[in-house]
């Protein structure tokens, strides 16, 4: 047998195996935690909405003669129909805020306000170009964050939809399994 030490007793060998198995379980649990960390908000919200809509889903399941999958699909569709407009309203608001920031940056009144903020009077010369160049990397980082944020939001919405359906369909079985 590979790695077998004849000087170890059977009890010591089993103890070492249990410790290694425990270490392996802790490692896998830590990896799973780090994997699901970005999804945690979506998973928590999905479980919350599944819990809130559970009574309605059970009533709908009775109307559908015990078909919990159909009731879960209908419940998930209603929740998405209620939350969809809210999510879709946020996207234009963010775009409008970015456009407003761009227009404010190009306006002449903004330059006068910037001069007063950096300590110069409205008539004195301040090198706003130098000030802008110092902070251009920060602005570029903020601008490049928008596509990543959109991808993260889409990923979060997809996780929410799948988790809502899963929690609605199998929530009771999962709770029973944990008990």
Foldseek 3Di string as FASTA:
>chain_A
DPPDDVVDDPVRVVVVVVVVVVVVVVVVVVVVCVVCVLLVVLLVVLLVLLVVCLVVLVVVCVVVVNPSLVSLVVSLVVVCVVCVVVVVVVVVVVVVVVVVVVVLVPDPVNVQVVCVVVPHHSPDDDPVVVVCVVCVVVVVVVVVVVVVVVVSVVVNVVSNSVSNSCCNRCVVVVVVVVD
